[in-house]
Amino acid sequence: QIVGKVVKIADADTITVLDADKTQHRI
Protein backbone atom coordinates (compact mmCIF):
# COMPACT_ATOMS: atom_id res chain seq x y z
CA GLN A 1 0.00 0.00 0.00
CA ILE A 2 1.27 3.43 -0.92
CA VAL A 3 0.17 6.61 0.83
CA GLY A 4 1.24 9.79 -0.89
CA LYS A 5 0.52 12.83 -2.99
CA VAL A 6 -0.07 12.94 -6.74
CA VAL A 7 2.70 14.93 -8.40
CA LYS A 8 1.97 14.11 -12.05
CA ILE A 9 -1.01 13.05 -14.15
CA ALA A 10 -0.04 11.38 -17.43
CA ASP A 11 -3.67 10.81 -18.43
CA ALA A 12 -6.89 9.70 -16.76
CA ASP A 13 -5.59 6.25 -15.81
CA THR A 14 -1.91 6.87 -15.03
CA ILE A 15 -0.47 9.04 -12.25
CA THR A 16 2.77 9.50 -10.32
CA VAL A 17 2.61 9.46 -6.52
CA LEU A 18 5.25 10.81 -4.13
CA ASP A 19 5.40 8.93 -0.84
CA ALA A 20 6.72 9.99 2.57
CA ASP A 21 10.22 8.70 1.71
CA LYS A 22 10.21 11.05 -1.31
CA THR A 23 10.07 8.07 -3.66
CA GLN A 24 8.00 8.49 -6.80
CA HIS A 25 5.76 5.64 -7.96
CA ARG A 26 4.15 5.48 -11.39
CA ILE A 27 0.65 4.10 -10.91
mmCIF file of all heavy atoms, coordinates in Angstrom:
data_MODEL
# 
_entry.id   MODEL 
# 
loop_
_atom_site.group_PDB 
_atom_site.id 
_atom_site.type_symbol 
_atom_site.label_atom_id 
_atom_site.label_alt_id 
_atom_site.label_comp_id 
_atom_site.label_asym_id 
_atom_site.label_entity_id 
_atom_site.label_seq_id 
_atom_site.pdbx_PDB_ins_code 
_atom_site.Cartn_x 
_atom_site.Cartn_y 
_atom_site.Cartn_z 
_atom_site.occupancy 
_atom_site.B_iso_or_equiv 
_atom_site.pdbx_formal_charge 
_atom_site.auth_seq_id 
_atom_site.auth_comp_id 
_atom_site.auth_asym_id 
_atom_site.auth_atom_id 
_atom_site.pdbx_PDB_model_num 
ATOM 1   N N   . GLN A 1 1  ? 0.843  -1.187 0.000   1.00 0.00 ? 1  GLN A N   1 
ATOM 2   C CA  . GLN A 1 1  ? 0.000  0.000  0.000   1.00 0.00 ? 1  GLN A CA  1 
ATOM 3   C C   . GLN A 1 1  ? 0.875  1.232  0.000   1.00 0.00 ? 1  GLN A C   1 
ATOM 4   O O   . GLN A 1 1  ? 1.873  1.298  0.717   1.00 0.00 ? 1  GLN A O   1 
ATOM 5   C CB  . GLN A 1 1  ? -0.911 -0.009 1.224   1.00 0.00 ? 1  GLN A CB  1 
ATOM 6   C CG  . GLN A 1 1  ? -1.913 1.117  1.255   1.00 0.00 ? 1  GLN A CG  1 
ATOM 7   C CD  . GLN A 1 1  ? -3.098 0.779  2.130   1.00 0.00 ? 1  GLN A CD  1 
ATOM 8   O OE1 . GLN A 1 1  ? -3.941 -0.015 1.735   1.00 0.00 ? 1  GLN A OE1 1 
ATOM 9   N NE2 . GLN A 1 1  ? -3.174 1.363  3.305   1.00 0.00 ? 1  GLN A NE2 1 
ATOM 10  N N   . ILE A 1 2  ? 0.509  2.190  -0.819  1.00 0.00 ? 2  ILE A N   1 
ATOM 11  C CA  . ILE A 1 2  ? 1.265  3.434  -0.916  1.00 0.00 ? 2  ILE A CA  1 
ATOM 12  C C   . ILE A 1 2  ? 0.369  4.585  -0.489  1.00 0.00 ? 2  ILE A C   1 
ATOM 13  O O   . ILE A 1 2  ? -0.763 4.719  -0.967  1.00 0.00 ? 2  ILE A O   1 
ATOM 14  C CB  . ILE A 1 2  ? 1.762  3.669  -2.361  1.00 0.00 ? 2  ILE A CB  1 
ATOM 15  C CG1 . ILE A 1 2  ? 2.760  2.584  -2.768  1.00 0.00 ? 2  ILE A CG1 1 
ATOM 16  C CG2 . ILE A 1 2  ? 2.396  5.055  -2.495  1.00 0.00 ? 2  ILE A CG2 1 
ATOM 17  C CD1 . ILE A 1 2  ? 3.104  2.597  -4.240  1.00 0.00 ? 2  ILE A CD1 1 
ATOM 18  N N   . VAL A 1 3  ? 0.866  5.397  0.409   1.00 0.00 ? 3  VAL A N   1 
ATOM 19  C CA  . VAL A 1 3  ? 0.172  6.606  0.831   1.00 0.00 ? 3  VAL A CA  1 
ATOM 20  C C   . VAL A 1 3  ? 1.024  7.782  0.367   1.00 0.00 ? 3  VAL A C   1 
ATOM 21  O O   . VAL A 1 3  ? 2.222  7.843  0.654   1.00 0.00 ? 3  VAL A O   1 
ATOM 22  C CB  . VAL A 1 3  ? 0.000  6.657  2.362   1.00 0.00 ? 3  VAL A CB  1 
ATOM 23  C CG1 . VAL A 1 3  ? -0.711 7.941  2.779   1.00 0.00 ? 3  VAL A CG1 1 
ATOM 24  C CG2 . VAL A 1 3  ? -0.759 5.438  2.847   1.00 0.00 ? 3  VAL A CG2 1 
ATOM 25  N N   . GLY A 1 4  ? 0.435  8.692  -0.372  1.00 0.00 ? 4  GLY A N   1 
ATOM 26  C CA  . GLY A 1 4  ? 1.240  9.795  -0.887  1.00 0.00 ? 4  GLY A CA  1 
ATOM 27  C C   . GLY A 1 4  ? 0.425  10.865 -1.574  1.00 0.00 ? 4  GLY A C   1 
ATOM 28  O O   . GLY A 1 4  ? -0.800 10.926 -1.451  1.00 0.00 ? 4  GLY A O   1 
ATOM 29  N N   . LYS A 1 5  ? 1.132  11.700 -2.300  1.00 0.00 ? 5  LYS A N   1 
ATOM 30  C CA  . LYS A 1 5  ? 0.523  12.831 -2.985  1.00 0.00 ? 5  LYS A CA  1 
ATOM 31  C C   . LYS A 1 5  ? 0.799  12.724 -4.481  1.00 0.00 ? 5  LYS A C   1 
ATOM 32  O O   . LYS A 1 5  ? 1.919  12.421 -4.895  1.00 0.00 ? 5  LYS A O   1 
ATOM 33  C CB  . LYS A 1 5  ? 1.093  14.139 -2.444  1.00 0.00 ? 5  LYS A CB  1 
ATOM 34  C CG  . LYS A 1 5  ? 0.328  15.398 -2.877  1.00 0.00 ? 5  LYS A CG  1 
ATOM 35  C CD  . LYS A 1 5  ? 0.903  16.618 -2.197  1.00 0.00 ? 5  LYS A CD  1 
ATOM 36  C CE  . LYS A 1 5  ? 0.071  17.855 -2.484  1.00 0.00 ? 5  LYS A CE  1 
ATOM 37  N NZ  . LYS A 1 5  ? -1.243 17.828 -1.821  1.00 0.00 ? 5  LYS A NZ  1 
ATOM 38  N N   . VAL A 1 6  ? -0.217 12.988 -5.280  1.00 0.00 ? 6  VAL A N   1 
ATOM 39  C CA  . VAL A 1 6  ? -0.071 12.936 -6.737  1.00 0.00 ? 6  VAL A CA  1 
ATOM 40  C C   . VAL A 1 6  ? 0.752  14.139 -7.199  1.00 0.00 ? 6  VAL A C   1 
ATOM 41  O O   . VAL A 1 6  ? 0.410  15.286 -6.902  1.00 0.00 ? 6  VAL A O   1 
ATOM 42  C CB  . VAL A 1 6  ? -1.445 12.942 -7.431  1.00 0.00 ? 6  VAL A CB  1 
ATOM 43  C CG1 . VAL A 1 6  ? -1.281 12.980 -8.949  1.00 0.00 ? 6  VAL A CG1 1 
ATOM 44  C CG2 . VAL A 1 6  ? -2.251 11.711 -7.023  1.00 0.00 ? 6  VAL A CG2 1 
ATOM 45  N N   . VAL A 1 7  ? 1.843  13.855 -7.919  1.00 0.00 ? 7  VAL A N   1 
ATOM 46  C CA  . VAL A 1 7  ? 2.702  14.931 -8.405  1.00 0.00 ? 7  VAL A CA  1 
ATOM 47  C C   . VAL A 1 7  ? 2.687  15.044 -9.929  1.00 0.00 ? 7  VAL A C   1 
ATOM 48  O O   . VAL A 1 7  ? 3.228  15.985 -10.492 1.00 0.00 ? 7  VAL A O   1 
ATOM 49  C CB  . VAL A 1 7  ? 4.160  14.746 -7.912  1.00 0.00 ? 7  VAL A CB  1 
ATOM 50  C CG1 . VAL A 1 7  ? 4.232  14.936 -6.401  1.00 0.00 ? 7  VAL A CG1 1 
ATOM 51  C CG2 . VAL A 1 7  ? 4.718  13.372 -8.314  1.00 0.00 ? 7  VAL A CG2 1 
ATOM 52  N N   . LYS A 1 8  ? 2.061  14.057 -10.586 1.00 0.00 ? 8  LYS A N   1 
ATOM 53  C CA  . LYS A 1 8  ? 1.975  14.109 -12.046 1.00 0.00 ? 8  LYS A CA  1 
ATOM 54  C C   . LYS A 1 8  ? 0.787  13.275 -12.514 1.00 0.00 ? 8  LYS A C   1 
ATOM 55  O O   . LYS A 1 8  ? 0.516  12.215 -11.960 1.00 0.00 ? 8  LYS A O   1 
ATOM 56  C CB  . LYS A 1 8  ? 3.259  13.577 -12.698 1.00 0.00 ? 8  LYS A CB  1 
ATOM 57  C CG  . LYS A 1 8  ? 3.262  13.650 -14.224 1.00 0.00 ? 8  LYS A CG  1 
ATOM 58  C CD  . LYS A 1 8  ? 4.568  13.126 -14.806 1.00 0.00 ? 8  LYS A CD  1 
ATOM 59  C CE  . LYS A 1 8  ? 4.558  13.178 -16.330 1.00 0.00 ? 8  LYS A CE  1 
ATOM 60  N NZ  . LYS A 1 8  ? 5.815  12.640 -16.911 1.00 0.00 ? 8  LYS A NZ  1 
ATOM 61  N N   . ILE A 1 9  ? 0.092  13.796 -13.528 1.00 0.00 ? 9  ILE A N   1 
ATOM 62  C CA  . ILE A 1 9  ? -1.007 13.052 -14.148 1.00 0.00 ? 9  ILE A CA  1 
ATOM 63  C C   . ILE A 1 9  ? -0.667 12.881 -15.628 1.00 0.00 ? 9  ILE A C   1 
ATOM 64  O O   . ILE A 1 9  ? -0.643 13.850 -16.379 1.00 0.00 ? 9  ILE A O   1 
ATOM 65  C CB  . ILE A 1 9  ? -2.341 13.802 -14.004 1.00 0.00 ? 9  ILE A CB  1 
ATOM 66  C CG1 . ILE A 1 9  ? -2.657 14.030 -12.517 1.00 0.00 ? 9  ILE A CG1 1 
ATOM 67  C CG2 . ILE A 1 9  ? -3.470 13.024 -14.667 1.00 0.00 ? 9  ILE A CG2 1 
ATOM 68  C CD1 . ILE A 1 9  ? -3.898 14.871 -12.284 1.00 0.00 ? 9  ILE A CD1 1 
ATOM 69  N N   . ALA A 1 10 ? -0.375 11.638 -16.030 1.00 0.00 ? 10 ALA A N   1 
ATOM 70  C CA  . ALA A 1 10 ? -0.040 11.377 -17.434 1.00 0.00 ? 10 ALA A CA  1 
ATOM 71  C C   . ALA A 1 10 ? -1.298 11.430 -18.283 1.00 0.00 ? 10 ALA A C   1 
ATOM 72  O O   . ALA A 1 10 ? -1.328 12.031 -19.354 1.00 0.00 ? 10 ALA A O   1 
ATOM 73  C CB  . ALA A 1 10 ? 0.651  10.023 -17.578 1.00 0.00 ? 10 ALA A CB  1 
ATOM 74  N N   . ASP A 1 11 ? -2.336 10.770 -17.806 1.00 0.00 ? 11 ASP A N   1 
ATOM 75  C CA  . ASP A 1 11 ? -3.669 10.808 -18.431 1.00 0.00 ? 11 ASP A CA  1 
ATOM 76  C C   . ASP A 1 11 ? -4.639 10.314 -17.378 1.00 0.00 ? 11 ASP A C   1 
ATOM 77  O O   . ASP A 1 11 ? -4.276 10.211 -16.199 1.00 0.00 ? 11 ASP A O   1 
ATOM 78  C CB  . ASP A 1 11 ? -3.726 9.994  -19.729 1.00 0.00 ? 11 ASP A CB  1 
ATOM 79  C CG  . ASP A 1 11 ? -3.245 8.558  -19.563 1.00 0.00 ? 11 ASP A CG  1 
ATOM 80  O OD1 . ASP A 1 11 ? -3.447 7.995  -18.465 1.00 0.00 ? 11 ASP A OD1 1 
ATOM 81  O OD2 . ASP A 1 11 ? -2.689 7.992  -20.517 1.00 0.00 ? 11 ASP A OD2 1 
ATOM 82  N N   . ALA A 1 12 ? -5.865 10.007 -17.769 1.00 0.00 ? 12 ALA A N   1 
ATOM 83  C CA  . ALA A 1 12 ? -6.888 9.702  -16.764 1.00 0.00 ? 12 ALA A CA  1 
ATOM 84  C C   . ALA A 1 12 ? -6.764 8.326  -16.122 1.00 0.00 ? 12 ALA A C   1 
ATOM 85  O O   . ALA A 1 12 ? -7.575 7.985  -15.259 1.00 0.00 ? 12 ALA A O   1 
ATOM 86  C CB  . ALA A 1 12 ? -8.277 9.870  -17.372 1.00 0.00 ? 12 ALA A CB  1 
ATOM 87  N N   . ASP A 1 13 ? -5.766 7.527  -16.496 1.00 0.00 ? 13 ASP A N   1 
ATOM 88  C CA  . ASP A 1 13 ? -5.588 6.246  -15.807 1.00 0.00 ? 13 ASP A CA  1 
ATOM 89  C C   . ASP A 1 13 ? -4.150 5.995  -15.356 1.00 0.00 ? 13 ASP A C   1 
ATOM 90  O O   . ASP A 1 13 ? -3.815 4.902  -14.920 1.00 0.00 ? 13 ASP A O   1 
ATOM 91  C CB  . ASP A 1 13 ? -6.085 5.070  -16.667 1.00 0.00 ? 13 ASP A CB  1 
ATOM 92  C CG  . ASP A 1 13 ? -5.364 4.960  -18.007 1.00 0.00 ? 13 ASP A CG  1 
ATOM 93  O OD1 . ASP A 1 13 ? -4.176 5.310  -18.082 1.00 0.00 ? 13 ASP A OD1 1 
ATOM 94  O OD2 . ASP A 1 13 ? -6.006 4.538  -18.987 1.00 0.00 ? 13 ASP A OD2 1 
ATOM 95  N N   . THR A 1 14 ? -3.302 7.027  -15.443 1.00 0.00 ? 14 THR A N   1 
ATOM 96  C CA  . THR A 1 14 ? -1.906 6.871  -15.027 1.00 0.00 ? 14 THR A CA  1 
ATOM 97  C C   . THR A 1 14 ? -1.431 8.118  -14.290 1.00 0.00 ? 14 THR A C   1 
ATOM 98  O O   . THR A 1 14 ? -1.520 9.222  -14.826 1.00 0.00 ? 14 THR A O   1 
ATOM 99  C CB  . THR A 1 14 ? -0.987 6.612  -16.241 1.00 0.00 ? 14 THR A CB  1 
ATOM 100 O OG1 . THR A 1 14 ? -1.482 5.492  -16.987 1.00 0.00 ? 14 THR A OG1 1 
ATOM 101 C CG2 . THR A 1 14 ? 0.435  6.311  -15.798 1.00 0.00 ? 14 THR A CG2 1 
ATOM 102 N N   . ILE A 1 15 ? -0.939 7.925  -13.066 1.00 0.00 ? 15 ILE A N   1 
ATOM 103 C CA  . ILE A 1 15 ? -0.475 9.040  -12.255 1.00 0.00 ? 15 ILE A CA  1 
ATOM 104 C C   . ILE A 1 15 ? 0.875  8.695  -11.633 1.00 0.00 ? 15 ILE A C   1 
ATOM 105 O O   . ILE A 1 15 ? 1.298  7.534  -11.634 1.00 0.00 ? 15 ILE A O   1 
ATOM 106 C CB  . ILE A 1 15 ? -1.473 9.375  -11.126 1.00 0.00 ? 15 ILE A CB  1 
ATOM 107 C CG1 . ILE A 1 15 ? -1.684 8.161  -10.204 1.00 0.00 ? 15 ILE A CG1 1 
ATOM 108 C CG2 . ILE A 1 15 ? -2.799 9.864  -11.709 1.00 0.00 ? 15 ILE A CG2 1 
ATOM 109 C CD1 . ILE A 1 15 ? -2.594 8.412  -9.011  1.00 0.00 ? 15 ILE A CD1 1 
ATOM 110 N N   . THR A 1 16 ? 1.545  9.702  -11.090 1.00 0.00 ? 16 THR A N   1 
ATOM 111 C CA  . THR A 1 16 ? 2.773  9.498  -10.323 1.00 0.00 ? 16 THR A CA  1 
ATOM 112 C C   . THR A 1 16 ? 2.522  9.985  -8.906  1.00 0.00 ? 16 THR A C   1 
ATOM 113 O O   . THR A 1 16 ? 2.017  11.096 -8.701  1.00 0.00 ? 16 THR A O   1 
ATOM 114 C CB  . THR A 1 16 ? 3.954  10.258 -10.935 1.00 0.00 ? 16 THR A CB  1 
ATOM 115 O OG1 . THR A 1 16 ? 4.168  9.785  -12.280 1.00 0.00 ? 16 THR A OG1 1 
ATOM 116 C CG2 . THR A 1 16 ? 5.227  10.036 -10.135 1.00 0.00 ? 16 THR A CG2 1 
ATOM 117 N N   . VAL A 1 17 ? 2.857  9.148  -7.929  1.00 0.00 ? 17 VAL A N   1 
ATOM 118 C CA  . VAL A 1 17 ? 2.615  9.457  -6.524  1.00 0.00 ? 17 VAL A CA  1 
ATOM 119 C C   . VAL A 1 17 ? 3.938  9.551  -5.770  1.00 0.00 ? 17 VAL A C   1 
ATOM 120 O O   . VAL A 1 17 ? 4.802  8.681  -5.904  1.00 0.00 ? 17 VAL A O   1 
ATOM 121 C CB  . VAL A 1 17 ? 1.720  8.370  -5.879  1.00 0.00 ? 17 VAL A CB  1 
ATOM 122 C CG1 . VAL A 1 17 ? 1.559  8.626  -4.387  1.00 0.00 ? 17 VAL A CG1 1 
ATOM 123 C CG2 . VAL A 1 17 ? 0.357  8.340  -6.566  1.00 0.00 ? 17 VAL A CG2 1 
ATOM 124 N N   . LEU A 1 18 ? 4.081  10.613 -4.972  1.00 0.00 ? 18 LEU A N   1 
ATOM 125 C CA  . LEU A 1 18 ? 5.255  10.813 -4.130  1.00 0.00 ? 18 LEU A CA  1 
ATOM 126 C C   . LEU A 1 18 ? 4.916  10.365 -2.721  1.00 0.00 ? 18 LEU A C   1 
ATOM 127 O O   . LEU A 1 18 ? 3.953  10.861 -2.121  1.00 0.00 ? 18 LEU A O   1 
ATOM 128 C CB  . LEU A 1 18 ? 5.654  12.292 -4.130  1.00 0.00 ? 18 LEU A CB  1 
ATOM 129 C CG  . LEU A 1 18 ? 6.850  12.680 -3.245  1.00 0.00 ? 18 LEU A CG  1 
ATOM 130 C CD1 . LEU A 1 18 ? 8.145  12.120 -3.832  1.00 0.00 ? 18 LEU A CD1 1 
ATOM 131 C CD2 . LEU A 1 18 ? 6.935  14.200 -3.096  1.00 0.00 ? 18 LEU A CD2 1 
ATOM 132 N N   . ASP A 1 19 ? 5.700  9.409  -2.190  1.00 0.00 ? 19 ASP A N   1 
ATOM 133 C CA  . ASP A 1 19 ? 5.400  8.927  -0.840  1.00 0.00 ? 19 ASP A CA  1 
ATOM 134 C C   . ASP A 1 19 ? 6.215  9.681  0.206   1.00 0.00 ? 19 ASP A C   1 
ATOM 135 O O   . ASP A 1 19 ? 6.965  10.616 -0.108  1.00 0.00 ? 19 ASP A O   1 
ATOM 136 C CB  . ASP A 1 19 ? 5.609  7.414  -0.739  1.00 0.00 ? 19 ASP A CB  1 
ATOM 137 C CG  . ASP A 1 19 ? 7.071  6.980  -0.854  1.00 0.00 ? 19 ASP A CG  1 
ATOM 138 O OD1 . ASP A 1 19 ? 7.979  7.838  -0.715  1.00 0.00 ? 19 ASP A OD1 1 
ATOM 139 O OD2 . ASP A 1 19 ? 7.313  5.771  -1.090  1.00 0.00 ? 19 ASP A OD2 1 
ATOM 140 N N   . ALA A 1 20 ? 6.069  9.284  1.471   1.00 0.00 ? 20 ALA A N   1 
ATOM 141 C CA  . ALA A 1 20 ? 6.723  9.985  2.570   1.00 0.00 ? 20 ALA A CA  1 
ATOM 142 C C   . ALA A 1 20 ? 8.240  9.890  2.528   1.00 0.00 ? 20 ALA A C   1 
ATOM 143 O O   . ALA A 1 20 ? 8.939  10.715 3.111   1.00 0.00 ? 20 ALA A O   1 
ATOM 144 C CB  . ALA A 1 20 ? 6.205  9.441  3.901   1.00 0.00 ? 20 ALA A CB  1 
ATOM 145 N N   . ASP A 1 21 ? 8.765  8.862  1.845   1.00 0.00 ? 21 ASP A N   1 
ATOM 146 C CA  . ASP A 1 21 ? 10.221 8.705  1.706   1.00 0.00 ? 21 ASP A CA  1 
ATOM 147 C C   . ASP A 1 21 ? 10.757 9.459  0.491   1.00 0.00 ? 21 ASP A C   1 
ATOM 148 O O   . ASP A 1 21 ? 11.901 9.273  0.095   1.00 0.00 ? 21 ASP A O   1 
ATOM 149 C CB  . ASP A 1 21 ? 10.579 7.221  1.587   1.00 0.00 ? 21 ASP A CB  1 
ATOM 150 C CG  . ASP A 1 21 ? 10.241 6.447  2.843   1.00 0.00 ? 21 ASP A CG  1 
ATOM 151 O OD1 . ASP A 1 21 ? 10.409 7.020  3.940   1.00 0.00 ? 21 ASP A OD1 1 
ATOM 152 O OD2 . ASP A 1 21 ? 9.804  5.287  2.735   1.00 0.00 ? 21 ASP A OD2 1 
ATOM 153 N N   . LYS A 1 22 ? 9.877  10.257 -0.120  1.00 0.00 ? 22 LYS A N   1 
ATOM 154 C CA  . LYS A 1 22 ? 10.207 11.051 -1.305  1.00 0.00 ? 22 LYS A CA  1 
ATOM 155 C C   . LYS A 1 22 ? 10.533 10.163 -2.510  1.00 0.00 ? 22 LYS A C   1 
ATOM 156 O O   . LYS A 1 22 ? 11.299 10.545 -3.398  1.00 0.00 ? 22 LYS A O   1 
ATOM 157 C CB  . LYS A 1 22 ? 11.367 12.016 -1.026  1.00 0.00 ? 22 LYS A CB  1 
ATOM 158 C CG  . LYS A 1 22 ? 11.048 13.041 0.052   1.00 0.00 ? 22 LYS A CG  1 
ATOM 159 C CD  . LYS A 1 22 ? 12.176 14.046 0.219   1.00 0.00 ? 22 LYS A CD  1 
ATOM 160 C CE  . LYS A 1 22 ? 11.832 15.077 1.292   1.00 0.00 ? 22 LYS A CE  1 
ATOM 161 N NZ  . LYS A 1 22 ? 12.914 16.078 1.463   1.00 0.00 ? 22 LYS A NZ  1 
ATOM 162 N N   . THR A 1 23 ? 9.936  8.977  -2.528  1.00 0.00 ? 23 THR A N   1 
ATOM 163 C CA  . THR A 1 23 ? 10.071 8.069  -3.662  1.00 0.00 ? 23 THR A CA  1 
ATOM 164 C C   . THR A 1 23 ? 8.859  8.246  -4.564  1.00 0.00 ? 23 THR A C   1 
ATOM 165 O O   . THR A 1 23 ? 7.722  8.290  -4.080  1.00 0.00 ? 23 THR A O   1 
ATOM 166 C CB  . THR A 1 23 ? 10.149 6.605  -3.196  1.00 0.00 ? 23 THR A CB  1 
ATOM 167 O OG1 . THR A 1 23 ? 11.285 6.440  -2.348  1.00 0.00 ? 23 THR A OG1 1 
ATOM 168 C CG2 . THR A 1 23 ? 10.270 5.658  -4.386  1.00 0.00 ? 23 THR A CG2 1 
ATOM 169 N N   . GLN A 1 24 ? 9.102  8.355  -5.853  1.00 0.00 ? 24 GLN A N   1 
ATOM 170 C CA  . GLN A 1 24 ? 8.004  8.493  -6.804  1.00 0.00 ? 24 GLN A CA  1 
ATOM 171 C C   . GLN A 1 24 ? 7.608  7.127  -7.355  1.00 0.00 ? 24 GLN A C   1 
ATOM 172 O O   . GLN A 1 24 ? 8.456  6.308  -7.685  1.00 0.00 ? 24 GLN A O   1 
ATOM 173 C CB  . GLN A 1 24 ? 8.395  9.425  -7.957  1.00 0.00 ? 24 GLN A CB  1 
ATOM 174 C CG  . GLN A 1 24 ? 8.570  10.875 -7.524  1.00 0.00 ? 24 GLN A CG  1 
ATOM 175 C CD  . GLN A 1 24 ? 8.651  11.829 -8.705  1.00 0.00 ? 24 GLN A CD  1 
ATOM 176 O OE1 . GLN A 1 24 ? 8.412  11.449 -9.849  1.00 0.00 ? 24 GLN A OE1 1 
ATOM 177 N NE2 . GLN A 1 24 ? 8.988  13.079 -8.426  1.00 0.00 ? 24 GLN A NE2 1 
ATOM 178 N N   . HIS A 1 25 ? 6.300  6.901  -7.444  1.00 0.00 ? 25 HIS A N   1 
ATOM 179 C CA  . HIS A 1 25 ? 5.763  5.644  -7.956  1.00 0.00 ? 25 HIS A CA  1 
ATOM 180 C C   . HIS A 1 25 ? 4.820  5.955  -9.117  1.00 0.00 ? 25 HIS A C   1 
ATOM 181 O O   . HIS A 1 25 ? 3.896  6.766  -8.964  1.00 0.00 ? 25 HIS A O   1 
ATOM 182 C CB  . HIS A 1 25 ? 4.967  4.909  -6.872  1.00 0.00 ? 25 HIS A CB  1 
ATOM 183 C CG  . HIS A 1 25 ? 5.740  4.673  -5.608  1.00 0.00 ? 25 HIS A CG  1 
ATOM 184 N ND1 . HIS A 1 25 ? 6.523  3.557  -5.408  1.00 0.00 ? 25 HIS A ND1 1 
ATOM 185 C CD2 . HIS A 1 25 ? 5.845  5.431  -4.479  1.00 0.00 ? 25 HIS A CD2 1 
ATOM 186 C CE1 . HIS A 1 25 ? 7.073  3.614  -4.211  1.00 0.00 ? 25 HIS A CE1 1 
ATOM 187 N NE2 . HIS A 1 25 ? 6.676  4.737  -3.616  1.00 0.00 ? 25 HIS A NE2 1 
ATOM 188 N N   . ARG A 1 26 ? 5.058  5.315  -10.254 1.00 0.00 ? 26 ARG A N   1 
ATOM 189 C CA  . ARG A 1 26 ? 4.153  5.481  -11.393 1.00 0.00 ? 26 ARG A CA  1 
ATOM 190 C C   . ARG A 1 26 ? 3.030  4.461  -11.245 1.00 0.00 ? 26 ARG A C   1 
ATOM 191 O O   . ARG A 1 26 ? 3.284  3.255  -11.170 1.00 0.00 ? 26 ARG A O   1 
ATOM 192 C CB  . ARG A 1 26 ? 4.897  5.284  -12.714 1.00 0.00 ? 26 ARG A CB  1 
ATOM 193 C CG  . ARG A 1 26 ? 4.120  5.822  -13.910 1.00 0.00 ? 26 ARG A CG  1 
ATOM 194 C CD  . ARG A 1 26 ? 5.055  6.163  -15.054 1.00 0.00 ? 26 ARG A CD  1 
ATOM 195 N NE  . ARG A 1 26 ? 4.306  6.757  -16.155 1.00 0.00 ? 26 ARG A NE  1 
ATOM 196 C CZ  . ARG A 1 26 ? 4.162  6.203  -17.352 1.00 0.00 ? 26 ARG A CZ  1 
ATOM 197 N NH1 . ARG A 1 26 ? 4.724  5.045  -17.617 1.00 0.00 ? 26 ARG A NH1 1 
ATOM 198 N NH2 . ARG A 1 26 ? 3.480  6.812  -18.299 1.00 0.00 ? 26 ARG A NH2 1 
ATOM 199 N N   . ILE A 1 27 ? 1.803  4.950  -11.198 1.00 0.00 ? 27 ILE A N   1 
ATOM 200 C CA  . ILE A 1 27 ? 0.648  4.099  -10.906 1.00 0.00 ? 27 ILE A CA  1 
ATOM 201 C C   . ILE A 1 27 ? -0.280 4.004  -12.106 1.00 0.00 ? 27 ILE A C   1 
ATOM 202 O O   . ILE A 1 27 ? -0.676 5.012  -12.690 1.00 0.00 ? 27 ILE A O   1 
ATOM 203 C CB  . ILE A 1 27 ? -0.166 4.663  -9.718  1.00 0.00 ? 27 ILE A CB  1 
ATOM 204 C CG1 . ILE A 1 27 ? 0.744  4.965  -8.514  1.00 0.00 ? 27 ILE A CG1 1 
ATOM 205 C CG2 . ILE A 1 27 ? -1.296 3.711  -9.359  1.00 0.00 ? 27 ILE A CG2 1 
ATOM 206 C CD1 . ILE A 1 27 ? 1.402  3.769  -7.895  1.00 0.00 ? 27 ILE A CD1 1 
# 
